[in-house]
């Protein structure tokens, strides 16, 4: 795999890794709780009209340039928002990572 999608996915992996590395490198007294939330393809109501990855993906399906929609990978944007809220509220979430998909 190469091209824009590869670099988009790679940037997500590198960003999460950088966050955990940053936390580990901090002095113990300055550390904070970190939770990593990794959703699949996020779909749902949008605040912007165009120019976002999942919107471009759906446009590609509608225009026939994309043929595949990963059924297990799709996550509703509202569920992603709930996951972020739960990560803040639930003490047991601290220091963990969560992958969000609609089924496994």
C-alpha atoms as a PDB file:
ATOM      1  CA  UNK A   1       0.000   0.000   0.000  1.00  0.00           C
ATOM      2  CA  UNK A   2       1.232   3.468  -0.831  1.00  0.00           C
ATOM      3  CA  UNK A   3      -0.201   6.875  -1.566  1.00  0.00           C
ATOM      4  CA  UNK A   4      -2.276   9.276   0.538  1.00  0.00           C
ATOM      5  CA  UNK A   5      -4.176   6.575   2.449  1.00  0.00           C
ATOM      6  CA  UNK A   6      -0.914   4.898   3.510  1.00  0.00           C
ATOM      7  CA  UNK A   7       0.526   8.171   4.770  1.00  0.00           C
ATOM      8  CA  UNK A   8      -2.708   9.044   6.578  1.00  0.00           C
ATOM      9  CA  UNK A   9      -2.698   5.697   8.413  1.00  0.00           C
ATOM     10  CA  UNK A  10       1.025   5.924   9.139  1.00  0.00           C
ATOM     11  CA  UNK A  11       0.579   9.411  10.607  1.00  0.00           C
ATOM     12  CA  UNK A  12      -2.005   8.015  13.057  1.00  0.00           C
ATOM     13  CA  UNK A  13       0.360   5.249  14.197  1.00  0.00           C
ATOM     14  CA  UNK A  14       3.273   7.665  14.578  1.00  0.00           C
ATOM     15  CA  UNK A  15       1.160  10.207  16.484  1.00  0.00           C
ATOM     16  CA  UNK A  16       0.002   7.616  19.021  1.00  0.00           C
ATOM     17  CA  UNK A  17       3.533   6.296  19.451  1.00  0.00           C
ATOM     18  CA  UNK A  18       4.848   9.839  19.954  1.00  0.00           C
ATOM     19  CA  UNK A  19       2.232  10.501  22.651  1.00  0.00           C
ATOM     20  CA  UNK A  20       3.218   7.410  24.656  1.00  0.00           C
ATOM     21  CA  UNK A  21       6.942   8.161  24.191  1.00  0.00           C
ATOM     22  CA  UNK A  22       6.422  11.768  25.306  1.00  0.00           C
ATOM     23  CA  UNK A  23       4.642  10.621  28.452  1.00  0.00           C
ATOM     24  CA  UNK A  24       7.373   8.086  29.298  1.00  0.00           C
ATOM     25  CA  UNK A  25      10.093  10.711  28.829  1.00  0.00           C
ATOM     26  CA  UNK A  26       8.480  13.152  31.277  1.00  0.00           C
ATOM     27  CA  UNK A  27       9.654  13.347  34.875  1.00  0.00           C
ATOM     28  CA  UNK A  28       7.389  11.209  37.079  1.00  0.00           C
ATOM     29  CA  UNK A  29       6.023  14.246  38.926  1.00  0.00           C
ATOM     30  CA  UNK A  30       4.864  15.877  35.668  1.00  0.00           C
ATOM     31  CA  UNK A  31       3.178  12.840  34.103  1.00  0.00           C
ATOM     32  CA  UNK A  32      -0.518  12.804  33.361  1.00  0.00           C
ATOM     33  CA  UNK A  33      -3.022  10.114  32.436  1.00  0.00           C
ATOM     34  CA  UNK A  34      -3.188   9.173  28.769  1.00  0.00           C
ATOM     35  CA  UNK A  35      -5.794   7.131  26.920  1.00  0.00           C
ATOM     36  CA  UNK A  36      -5.460   6.274  23.238  1.00  0.00           C
ATOM     37  CA  UNK A  37      -8.632   5.897  21.180  1.00  0.00           C
ATOM     38  CA  UNK A  38      -8.182   4.390  17.721  1.00  0.00           C
ATOM     39  CA  UNK A  39     -11.368   4.320  15.638  1.00  0.00           C
ATOM     40  CA  UNK A  40     -11.786   2.641  12.275  1.00  0.00           C
ATOM     41  CA  UNK A  41     -13.486   4.581   9.489  1.00  0.00           C
ATOM     42  CA  UNK A  42     -15.469   7.306  11.257  1.00  0.00           C
ATOM     43  CA  UNK A  43     -18.804   8.131   9.633  1.00  0.00           C
ATOM     44  CA  UNK A  44     -21.805  10.175  10.691  1.00  0.00           C
ATOM     45  CA  UNK A  45     -23.024  13.749  10.835  1.00  0.00           C
ATOM     46  CA  UNK A  46     -20.379  16.312   9.938  1.00  0.00           C
ATOM     47  CA  UNK A  47     -19.752  19.881  11.057  1.00  0.00           C
ATOM     48  CA  UNK A  48     -17.911  20.644   7.820  1.00  0.00           C
ATOM     49  CA  UNK A  49     -19.154  20.303   4.268  1.00  0.00           C
ATOM     50  CA  UNK A  50     -16.118  18.763   2.572  1.00  0.00           C
ATOM     51  CA  UNK A  51     -12.397  18.127   2.816  1.00  0.00           C
ATOM     52  CA  UNK A  52     -12.302  15.368   5.429  1.00  0.00           C
ATOM     53  CA  UNK A  53     -11.065  11.816   4.876  1.00  0.00           C
ATOM     54  CA  UNK A  54     -14.207   9.808   5.620  1.00  0.00           C
ATOM     55  CA  UNK A  55     -16.300  12.204   3.526  1.00  0.00           C
ATOM     56  CA  UNK A  56     -13.925  11.770   0.609  1.00  0.00           C
ATOM     57  CA  UNK A  57     -14.128   7.991   1.060  1.00  0.00           C
ATOM     58  CA  UNK A  58     -17.935   8.028   0.854  1.00  0.00           C
ATOM     59  CA  UNK A  59     -17.803  10.395  -2.136  1.00  0.00           C
ATOM     60  CA  UNK A  60     -15.494   7.894  -3.840  1.00  0.00           C
ATOM     61  CA  UNK A  61     -17.977   5.071  -3.249  1.00  0.00           C
ATOM     62  CA  UNK A  62     -20.828   7.187  -4.625  1.00  0.00           C
ATOM     63  CA  UNK A  63     -18.788   8.185  -7.687  1.00  0.00           C
ATOM     64  CA  UNK A  64     -17.615   4.618  -8.295  1.00  0.00           C
ATOM     65  CA  UNK A  65     -13.898   5.288  -7.739  1.00  0.00           C
ATOM     66  CA  UNK A  66     -13.885   3.290  -4.481  1.00  0.00           C
ATOM     67  CA  UNK A  67     -15.414  -0.165  -4.500  1.00  0.00           C
ATOM     68  CA  UNK A  68     -14.921  -1.334  -0.937  1.00  0.00           C
ATOM     69  CA  UNK A  69     -16.488  -0.287   2.330  1.00  0.00           C
ATOM     70  CA  UNK A  70     -14.979  -2.231   5.263  1.00  0.00           C
ATOM     71  CA  UNK A  71     -18.112  -3.290   7.207  1.00  0.00           C
ATOM     72  CA  UNK A  72     -16.321  -4.157  10.471  1.00  0.00           C
ATOM     73  CA  UNK A  73     -14.205  -1.033  10.454  1.00  0.00           C
ATOM     74  CA  UNK A  74     -16.944   1.602  10.401  1.00  0.00           C
ATOM     75  CA  UNK A  75     -17.643   3.571  13.590  1.00  0.00           C
ATOM     76  CA  UNK A  76     -20.291   6.229  14.105  1.00  0.00           C
ATOM     77  CA  UNK A  77     -18.773   9.599  14.991  1.00  0.00           C
ATOM     78  CA  UNK A  78     -21.180   9.845  17.945  1.00  0.00           C
ATOM     79  CA  UNK A  79     -19.800   6.581  19.353  1.00  0.00           C
ATOM     80  CA  UNK A  80     -16.271   7.948  19.003  1.00  0.00           C
ATOM     81  CA  UNK A  81     -17.361  11.028  20.967  1.00  0.00           C
ATOM     82  CA  UNK A  82     -18.885   8.784  23.681  1.00  0.00           C
ATOM     83  CA  UNK A  83     -15.643   6.799  23.874  1.00  0.00           C
ATOM     84  CA  UNK A  84     -13.678  10.000  24.485  1.00  0.00           C
ATOM     85  CA  UNK A  85     -16.082  11.038  27.215  1.00  0.00           C
ATOM     86  CA  UNK A  86     -15.940   7.607  28.870  1.00  0.00           C
ATOM     87  CA  UNK A  87     -12.123   7.695  28.707  1.00  0.00           C
ATOM     88  CA  UNK A  88     -12.214  10.887  30.771  1.00  0.00           C
ATOM     89  CA  UNK A  89     -14.786   9.614  33.256  1.00  0.00           C
ATOM     90  CA  UNK A  90     -13.572   6.023  33.802  1.00  0.00           C
ATOM     91  CA  UNK A  91     -10.486   5.758  35.979  1.00  0.00           C
ATOM     92  CA  UNK A  92      -9.790   2.237  34.656  1.00  0.00           C
ATOM     93  CA  UNK A  93      -9.214   3.651  31.145  1.00  0.00           C
ATOM     94  CA  UNK A  94      -6.025   5.478  32.151  1.00  0.00           C
ATOM     95  CA  UNK A  95      -2.899   4.147  30.471  1.00  0.00           C
ATOM     96  CA  UNK A  96      -4.816   1.999  27.997  1.00  0.00           C
ATOM     97  CA  UNK A  97      -5.558   2.030  24.302  1.00  0.00           C
ATOM     98  CA  UNK A  98      -8.885   1.252  22.703  1.00  0.00           C
ATOM     99  CA  UNK A  99      -9.646   0.213  19.128  1.00  0.00           C
ATOM    100  CA  UNK A 100     -13.155   1.193  18.042  1.00  0.00           C
ATOM    101  CA  UNK A 101     -14.947  -0.901  15.420  1.00  0.00           C
ATOM    102  CA  UNK A 102     -18.584  -1.848  15.020  1.00  0.00           C
ATOM    103  CA  UNK A 103     -17.997  -5.595  15.389  1.00  0.00           C
ATOM    104  CA  UNK A 104     -15.233  -8.194  15.616  1.00  0.00           C
END
